[in-house]
Amino acid sequence: MVSLNEVDARFISSSTKPAPSLESISLSKDLTERFHSLAEFIAVCVPDGRNQSLALTDLESALMWANKAAFNDAPASGGE
């Protein structure tokens, strides 16, 4: 059974969490730039079609999870 703490952790949002640290913001920007570069490479070098589309969709999902980790698994600004 999933605990209520686990439910809270899964559905945390920016409106209920303290402000992110500058390090988290910087990491998110770096992640976005790197993922964007790879997405451009895939768009240019991989033949158009379903597999290219899936690659880009999964890359988008990976960026979302990486950003979630950067913000939710890092200490809040002014952290303890």
PDB file of N, CA and C in Angstrom:
ATOM      1  N   MET A   1       0.846  -1.185   0.000  1.00  0.00           N
ATOM      2  CA  MET A   1       0.000   0.000   0.000  1.00  0.00           C
ATOM      3  C   MET A   1       0.888   1.243   0.000  1.00  0.00           C
ATOM      4  N   VAL A   2       0.484   2.225  -0.740  1.00  0.00           N
ATOM      5  CA  VAL A   2       1.229   3.477  -0.829  1.00  0.00           C
ATOM      6  C   VAL A   2       0.870   4.350   0.373  1.00  0.00           C
ATOM      7  N   SER A   3       1.900   4.895   1.028  1.00  0.00           N
ATOM      8  CA  SER A   3       1.652   5.763   2.181  1.00  0.00           C
ATOM      9  C   SER A   3       1.210   7.148   1.721  1.00  0.00           C
ATOM     10  N   LEU A   4       0.565   7.884   2.616  1.00  0.00           N
ATOM     11  CA  LEU A   4       0.149   9.251   2.282  1.00  0.00           C
ATOM     12  C   LEU A   4       1.351  10.144   2.021  1.00  0.00           C
ATOM     13  N   ASN A   5       2.474   9.904   2.697  1.00  0.00           N
ATOM     14  CA  ASN A   5       3.692  10.676   2.435  1.00  0.00           C
ATOM     15  C   ASN A   5       4.178  10.444   1.009  1.00  0.00           C
ATOM     16  N   GLU A   6       4.077   9.195   0.546  1.00  0.00           N
ATOM     17  CA  GLU A   6       4.485   8.872  -0.819  1.00  0.00           C
ATOM     18  C   GLU A   6       3.557   9.547  -1.829  1.00  0.00           C
ATOM     19  N   VAL A   7       2.260   9.575  -1.534  1.00  0.00           N
ATOM     20  CA  VAL A   7       1.309  10.265  -2.409  1.00  0.00           C
ATOM     21  C   VAL A   7       1.654  11.744  -2.463  1.00  0.00           C
ATOM     22  N   ASP A   8       1.915  12.346  -1.301  1.00  0.00           N
ATOM     23  CA  ASP A   8       2.285  13.761  -1.263  1.00  0.00           C
ATOM     24  C   ASP A   8       3.533  14.023  -2.109  1.00  0.00           C
ATOM     25  N   ALA A   9       4.535  13.161  -1.992  1.00  0.00           N
ATOM     26  CA  ALA A   9       5.780  13.339  -2.736  1.00  0.00           C
ATOM     27  C   ALA A   9       5.557  13.228  -4.247  1.00  0.00           C
ATOM     28  N   ARG A  10       4.646  12.357  -4.648  1.00  0.00           N
ATOM     29  CA  ARG A  10       4.401  12.169  -6.081  1.00  0.00           C
ATOM     30  C   ARG A  10       3.646  13.326  -6.707  1.00  0.00           C
ATOM     31  N   PHE A  11       2.823  14.003  -5.902  1.00  0.00           N
ATOM     32  CA  PHE A  11       1.966  15.034  -6.469  1.00  0.00           C
ATOM     33  C   PHE A  11       2.311  16.424  -5.968  1.00  0.00           C
ATOM     34  N   ILE A  12       3.554  16.588  -5.547  1.00  0.00           N
ATOM     35  CA  ILE A  12       4.022  17.898  -5.109  1.00  0.00           C
ATOM     36  C   ILE A  12       4.063  18.835  -6.311  1.00  0.00           C
ATOM     37  N   SER A  13       3.783  20.083  -6.098  1.00  0.00           N
ATOM     38  CA  SER A  13       3.831  21.035  -7.203  1.00  0.00           C
ATOM     39  C   SER A  13       4.594  22.278  -6.778  1.00  0.00           C
ATOM     40  N   SER A  14       4.914  23.094  -7.754  1.00  0.00           N
ATOM     41  CA  SER A  14       5.663  24.315  -7.456  1.00  0.00           C
ATOM     42  C   SER A  14       4.880  25.243  -6.535  1.00  0.00           C
ATOM     43  N   SER A  15       3.569  25.114  -6.506  1.00  0.00           N
ATOM     44  CA  SER A  15       2.775  25.977  -5.636  1.00  0.00           C
ATOM     45  C   SER A  15       2.781  25.504  -4.182  1.00  0.00           C
ATOM     46  N   THR A  16       3.223  24.262  -3.943  1.00  0.00           N
ATOM     47  CA  THR A  16       3.223  23.741  -2.574  1.00  0.00           C
ATOM     48  C   THR A  16       4.628  23.485  -2.041  1.00  0.00           C
ATOM     49  N   LYS A  17       5.640  23.700  -2.851  1.00  0.00           N
ATOM     50  CA  LYS A  17       7.020  23.443  -2.457  1.00  0.00           C
ATOM     51  C   LYS A  17       7.748  24.773  -2.314  1.00  0.00           C
ATOM     52  N   PRO A  18       8.695  24.863  -1.381  1.00  0.00           N
ATOM     53  CA  PRO A  18       9.478  26.103  -1.260  1.00  0.00           C
ATOM     54  C   PRO A  18      10.209  26.425  -2.569  1.00  0.00           C
ATOM     55  N   ALA A  19      10.641  27.669  -2.699  1.00  0.00           N
ATOM     56  CA  ALA A  19      11.336  28.113  -3.915  1.00  0.00           C
ATOM     57  C   ALA A  19      12.565  27.244  -4.180  1.00  0.00           C
ATOM     58  N   PRO A  20      12.836  26.962  -5.458  1.00  0.00           N
ATOM     59  CA  PRO A  20      14.005  26.139  -5.783  1.00  0.00           C
ATOM     60  C   PRO A  20      15.305  26.902  -5.539  1.00  0.00           C
ATOM     61  N   SER A  21      16.353  26.147  -5.331  1.00  0.00           N
ATOM     62  CA  SER A  21      17.665  26.764  -5.137  1.00  0.00           C
ATOM     63  C   SER A  21      18.203  27.249  -6.481  1.00  0.00           C
ATOM     64  N   LEU A  22      19.177  28.142  -6.418  1.00  0.00           N
ATOM     65  CA  LEU A  22      19.818  28.617  -7.640  1.00  0.00           C
ATOM     66  C   LEU A  22      20.522  27.469  -8.367  1.00  0.00           C
ATOM     67  N   GLU A  23      21.035  26.506  -7.594  1.00  0.00           N
ATOM     68  CA  GLU A  23      21.691  25.350  -8.192  1.00  0.00           C
ATOM     69  C   GLU A  23      20.698  24.517  -8.994  1.00  0.00           C
ATOM     70  N   SER A  24      19.487  24.329  -8.466  1.00  0.00           N
ATOM     71  CA  SER A  24      18.460  23.567  -9.182  1.00  0.00           C
ATOM     72  C   SER A  24      18.057  24.277 -10.469  1.00  0.00           C
ATOM     73  N   ILE A  25      17.925  25.579 -10.402  1.00  0.00           N
ATOM     74  CA  ILE A  25      17.556  26.352 -11.589  1.00  0.00           C
ATOM     75  C   ILE A  25      18.656  26.256 -12.643  1.00  0.00           C
ATOM     76  N   SER A  26      19.895  26.386 -12.206  1.00  0.00           N
ATOM     77  CA  SER A  26      21.028  26.286 -13.125  1.00  0.00           C
ATOM     78  C   SER A  26      21.112  24.897 -13.749  1.00  0.00           C
ATOM     79  N   LEU A  27      20.916  23.859 -12.940  1.00  0.00           N
ATOM     80  CA  LEU A  27      20.942  22.489 -13.451  1.00  0.00           C
ATOM     81  C   LEU A  27      19.834  22.279 -14.473  1.00  0.00           C
ATOM     82  N   SER A  28      18.652  22.795 -14.204  1.00  0.00           N
ATOM     83  CA  SER A  28      17.529  22.653 -15.130  1.00  0.00           C
ATOM     84  C   SER A  28      17.838  23.323 -16.467  1.00  0.00           C
ATOM     85  N   LYS A  29      18.424  24.499 -16.430  1.00  0.00           N
ATOM     86  CA  LYS A  29      18.792  25.183 -17.671  1.00  0.00           C
ATOM     87  C   LYS A  29      19.825  24.377 -18.447  1.00  0.00           C
ATOM     88  N   ASP A  30      20.819  23.838 -17.750  1.00  0.00           N
ATOM     89  CA  ASP A  30      21.855  23.032 -18.396  1.00  0.00           C
ATOM     90  C   ASP A  30      21.246  21.770 -19.005  1.00  0.00           C
ATOM     91  N   LEU A  31      20.393  21.097 -18.245  1.00  0.00           N
ATOM     92  CA  LEU A  31      19.719  19.906 -18.765  1.00  0.00           C
ATOM     93  C   LEU A  31      18.932  20.229 -20.032  1.00  0.00           C
ATOM     94  N   THR A  32      18.171  21.305 -19.985  1.00  0.00           N
ATOM     95  CA  THR A  32      17.337  21.686 -21.119  1.00  0.00           C
ATOM     96  C   THR A  32      18.187  21.947 -22.361  1.00  0.00           C
ATOM     97  N   GLU A  33      19.296  22.660 -22.194  1.00  0.00           N
ATOM     98  CA  GLU A  33      20.180  22.941 -23.328  1.00  0.00           C
ATOM     99  C   GLU A  33      20.748  21.653 -23.918  1.00  0.00           C
ATOM    100  N   ARG A  34      21.190  20.733 -23.049  1.00  0.00           N
ATOM    101  CA  ARG A  34      21.785  19.493 -23.534  1.00  0.00           C
ATOM    102  C   ARG A  34      20.751  18.589 -24.214  1.00  0.00           C
ATOM    103  N   PHE A  35      19.577  18.496 -23.620  1.00  0.00           N
ATOM    104  CA  PHE A  35      18.519  17.683 -24.227  1.00  0.00           C
ATOM    105  C   PHE A  35      18.079  18.295 -25.558  1.00  0.00           C
ATOM    106  N   HIS A  36      18.017  19.621 -25.614  1.00  0.00           N
ATOM    107  CA  HIS A  36      17.627  20.301 -26.846  1.00  0.00           C
ATOM    108  C   HIS A  36      18.638  20.013 -27.954  1.00  0.00           C
ATOM    109  N   SER A  37      19.915  20.026 -27.620  1.00  0.00           N
ATOM    110  CA  SER A  37      20.952  19.715 -28.613  1.00  0.00           C
ATOM    111  C   SER A  37      20.775  18.295 -29.157  1.00  0.00           C
ATOM    112  N   LEU A  38      20.515  17.356 -28.266  1.00  0.00           N
ATOM    113  CA  LEU A  38      20.309  15.978 -28.714  1.00  0.00           C
ATOM    114  C   LEU A  38      19.039  15.867 -29.557  1.00  0.00           C
ATOM    115  N   ALA A  39      17.988  16.579 -29.165  1.00  0.00           N
ATOM    116  CA  ALA A  39      16.739  16.556 -29.932  1.00  0.00           C
ATOM    117  C   ALA A  39      16.962  17.105 -31.344  1.00  0.00           C
ATOM    118  N   GLU A  40      17.738  18.178 -31.458  1.00  0.00           N
ATOM    119  CA  GLU A  40      18.056  18.723 -32.782  1.00  0.00           C
ATOM    120  C   GLU A  40      18.831  17.707 -33.608  1.00  0.00           C
ATOM    121  N   PHE A  41      19.794  17.037 -32.986  1.00  0.00           N
ATOM    122  CA  PHE A  41      20.572  16.015 -33.685  1.00  0.00           C
ATOM    123  C   PHE A  41      19.659  14.907 -34.205  1.00  0.00           C
ATOM    124  N   ILE A  42      18.750  14.443 -33.364  1.00  0.00           N
ATOM    125  CA  ILE A  42      17.810  13.395 -33.776  1.00  0.00           C
ATOM    126  C   ILE A  42      16.932  13.888 -34.916  1.00  0.00           C
ATOM    127  N   ALA A  43      16.433  15.118 -34.805  1.00  0.00           N
ATOM    128  CA  ALA A  43      15.545  15.666 -35.833  1.00  0.00           C
ATOM    129  C   ALA A  43      16.244  15.775 -37.191  1.00  0.00           C
ATOM    130  N   VAL A  44      17.535  16.078 -37.169  1.00  0.00           N
ATOM    131  CA  VAL A  44      18.277  16.266 -38.417  1.00  0.00           C
ATOM    132  C   VAL A  44      18.832  14.955 -38.960  1.00  0.00           C
ATOM    133  N   CYS A  45      19.326  14.097 -38.098  1.00  0.00           N
ATOM    134  CA  CYS A  45      20.084  12.919 -38.545  1.00  0.00           C
ATOM    135  C   CYS A  45      19.286  11.622 -38.627  1.00  0.00           C
ATOM    136  N   VAL A  46      18.218  11.525 -37.880  1.00  0.00           N
ATOM    137  CA  VAL A  46      17.436  10.282 -37.867  1.00  0.00           C
ATOM    138  C   VAL A  46      16.311  10.414 -38.900  1.00  0.00           C
ATOM    139  N   PRO A  47      16.101   9.388 -39.708  1.00  0.00           N
ATOM    140  CA  PRO A  47      15.031   9.468 -40.716  1.00  0.00           C
ATOM    141  C   PRO A  47      13.671   9.760 -40.078  1.00  0.00           C
ATOM    142  N   ASP A  48      12.882  10.590 -40.766  1.00  0.00           N
ATOM    143  CA  ASP A  48      11.522  10.890 -40.307  1.00  0.00           C
ATOM    144  C   ASP A  48      10.724   9.602 -40.194  1.00  0.00           C
ATOM    145  N   GLY A  49       9.805   9.609 -39.261  1.00  0.00           N
ATOM    146  CA  GLY A  49       8.924   8.460 -39.103  1.00  0.00           C
ATOM    147  C   GLY A  49       8.586   8.212 -37.653  1.00  0.00           C
ATOM    148  N   ARG A  50       7.915   7.118 -37.445  1.00  0.00           N
ATOM    149  CA  ARG A  50       7.431   6.761 -36.109  1.00  0.00           C
ATOM    150  C   ARG A  50       8.570   6.634 -35.111  1.00  0.00           C
ATOM    151  N   ASN A  51       9.672   5.997 -35.513  1.00  0.00           N
ATOM    152  CA  ASN A  51      10.775   5.795 -34.576  1.00  0.00           C
ATOM    153  C   ASN A  51      11.433   7.114 -34.175  1.00  0.00           C
ATOM    154  N   GLN A  52      11.567   8.032 -35.111  1.00  0.00           N
ATOM    155  CA  GLN A  52      12.102   9.348 -34.761  1.00  0.00           C
ATOM    156  C   GLN A  52      11.162  10.049 -33.781  1.00  0.00           C
ATOM    157  N   SER A  53       9.869   9.969 -34.070  1.00  0.00           N
ATOM    158  CA  SER A  53       8.871  10.588 -33.197  1.00  0.00           C
ATOM    159  C   SER A  53       8.929  10.006 -31.788  1.00  0.00           C
ATOM    160  N   LEU A  54       9.046   8.680 -31.707  1.00  0.00           N
ATOM    161  CA  LEU A  54       9.147   8.032 -30.394  1.00  0.00           C
ATOM    162  C   LEU A  54      10.422   8.442 -29.674  1.00  0.00           C
ATOM    163  N   ALA A  55      11.521   8.548 -30.404  1.00  0.00           N
ATOM    164  CA  ALA A  55      12.792   8.966 -29.797  1.00  0.00           C
ATOM    165  C   ALA A  55      12.653  10.362 -29.198  1.00  0.00           C
ATOM    166  N   LEU A  56      12.031  11.271 -29.938  1.00  0.00           N
ATOM    167  CA  LEU A  56      11.865  12.641 -29.436  1.00  0.00           C
ATOM    168  C   LEU A  56      10.898  12.687 -28.253  1.00  0.00           C
ATOM    169  N   THR A  57       9.831  11.896 -28.311  1.00  0.00           N
ATOM    170  CA  THR A  57       8.881  11.849 -27.194  1.00  0.00           C
ATOM    171  C   THR A  57       9.543  11.308 -25.931  1.00  0.00           C
ATOM    172  N   ASP A  58      10.323  10.238 -26.090  1.00  0.00           N
ATOM    173  CA  ASP A  58      10.997   9.668 -24.919  1.00  0.00           C
ATOM    174  C   ASP A  58      12.077  10.594 -24.388  1.00  0.00           C
ATOM    175  N   LEU A  59      12.722  11.332 -25.267  1.00  0.00           N
ATOM    176  CA  LEU A  59      13.703  12.323 -24.829  1.00  0.00           C
ATOM    177  C   LEU A  59      13.014  13.428 -24.024  1.00  0.00           C
ATOM    178  N   GLU A  60      11.848  13.846 -24.489  1.00  0.00           N
ATOM    179  CA  GLU A  60      11.057  14.839 -23.775  1.00  0.00           C
ATOM    180  C   GLU A  60      10.669  14.325 -22.384  1.00  0.00           C
ATOM    181  N   SER A  61      10.277  13.061 -22.313  1.00  0.00           N
ATOM    182  CA  SER A  61       9.938  12.454 -21.017  1.00  0.00           C
ATOM    183  C   SER A  61      11.154  12.396 -20.104  1.00  0.00           C
ATOM    184  N   ALA A  62      12.303  12.031 -20.662  1.00  0.00           N
ATOM    185  CA  ALA A  62      13.527  11.961 -19.865  1.00  0.00           C
ATOM    186  C   ALA A  62      13.891  13.331 -19.305  1.00  0.00           C
ATOM    187  N   LEU A  63      13.716  14.381 -20.102  1.00  0.00           N
ATOM    188  CA  LEU A  63      13.986  15.738 -19.603  1.00  0.00           C
ATOM    189  C   LEU A  63      13.028  16.090 -18.472  1.00  0.00           C
ATOM    190  N   MET A  64      11.771  15.722 -18.623  1.00  0.00           N
ATOM    191  CA  MET A  64      10.802  16.004 -17.564  1.00  0.00           C
ATOM    192  C   MET A  64      11.214  15.333 -16.261  1.00  0.00           C
ATOM    193  N   TRP A  65      11.619  14.064 -16.324  1.00  0.00           N
ATOM    194  CA  TRP A  65      12.020  13.343 -15.111  1.00  0.00           C
ATOM    195  C   TRP A  65      13.318  13.911 -14.537  1.00  0.00           C
ATOM    196  N   ALA A  66      14.245  14.289 -15.394  1.00  0.00           N
ATOM    197  CA  ALA A  66      15.503  14.880 -14.911  1.00  0.00           C
ATOM    198  C   ALA A  66      15.229  16.208 -14.214  1.00  0.00           C
ATOM    199  N   ASN A  67      14.350  17.023 -14.788  1.00  0.00           N
ATOM    200  CA  ASN A  67      14.002  18.291 -14.143  1.00  0.00           C
ATOM    201  C   ASN A  67      13.250  18.061 -12.841  1.00  0.00           C
ATOM    202  N   LYS A  68      12.388  17.072 -12.819  1.00  0.00           N
ATOM    203  CA  LYS A  68      11.678  16.754 -11.569  1.00  0.00           C
ATOM    204  C   LYS A  68      12.677  16.373 -10.482  1.00  0.00           C
ATOM    205  N   ALA A  69      13.676  15.584 -10.848  1.00  0.00           N
ATOM    206  CA  ALA A  69      14.712  15.213  -9.880  1.00  0.00           C
ATOM    207  C   ALA A  69      15.511  16.435  -9.446  1.00  0.00           C
ATOM    208  N   ALA A  70      15.834  17.309 -10.390  1.00  0.00           N
ATOM    209  CA  ALA A  70      16.613  18.507 -10.066  1.00  0.00           C
ATOM    210  C   ALA A  70      15.889  19.389  -9.059  1.00  0.00           C
ATOM    211  N   PHE A  71      14.583  19.493  -9.202  1.00  0.00           N
ATOM    212  CA  PHE A  71      13.826  20.374  -8.315  1.00  0.00           C
ATOM    213  C   PHE A  71      13.301  19.679  -7.059  1.00  0.00           C
ATOM    214  N   ASN A  72      12.807  18.456  -7.192  1.00  0.00           N
ATOM    215  CA  ASN A  72      12.174  17.801  -6.050  1.00  0.00           C
ATOM    216  C   ASN A  72      13.134  17.041  -5.160  1.00  0.00           C
ATOM    217  N   ASP A  73      14.277  16.609  -5.696  1.00  0.00           N
ATOM    218  CA  ASP A  73      15.219  15.827  -4.899  1.00  0.00           C
ATOM    219  C   ASP A  73      16.360  16.689  -4.365  1.00  0.00           C
ATOM    220  N   ALA A  74      16.335  17.982  -4.654  1.00  0.00           N
ATOM    221  CA  ALA A  74      17.384  18.889  -4.187  1.00  0.00           C
ATOM    222  C   ALA A  74      16.885  19.675  -2.992  1.00  0.00           C
ATOM    223  N   PRO A  75      17.794  20.125  -2.138  1.00  0.00           N
ATOM    224  CA  PRO A  75      17.375  20.973  -1.013  1.00  0.00           C
ATOM    225  C   PRO A  75      16.782  22.280  -1.506  1.00  0.00           C
ATOM    226  N   ALA A  76      15.840  22.821  -0.754  1.00  0.00           N
ATOM    227  CA  ALA A  76      15.223  24.103  -1.102  1.00  0.00           C
ATOM    228  C   ALA A  76      16.222  25.224  -0.889  1.00  0.00           C
ATOM    229  N   SER A  77      15.971  26.378  -1.505  1.00  0.00           N
ATOM    230  CA  SER A  77      16.861  27.522  -1.315  1.00  0.00           C
ATOM    231  C   SER A  77      16.873  27.914   0.159  1.00  0.00           C
ATOM    232  N   GLY A  78      18.032  28.354   0.609  1.00  0.00           N
ATOM    233  CA  GLY A  78      18.201  28.643   2.026  1.00  0.00           C
ATOM    234  C   GLY A  78      18.205  27.354   2.824  1.00  0.00           C
ATOM    235  N   GLY A  79      18.519  26.265   2.116  1.00  0.00           N
ATOM    236  CA  GLY A  79      18.375  24.901   2.624  1.00  0.00           C
ATOM    237  C   GLY A  79      19.077  24.599   3.920  1.00  0.00           C
ATOM    238  N   GLU A  80      18.616  23.530   4.486  1.00  0.00           N
ATOM    239  CA  GLU A  80      19.170  23.053   5.753  1.00  0.00           C
ATOM    240  C   GLU A  80      19.978  21.821   5.509  1.00  0.00           C
TER     241      GLU A  80
END
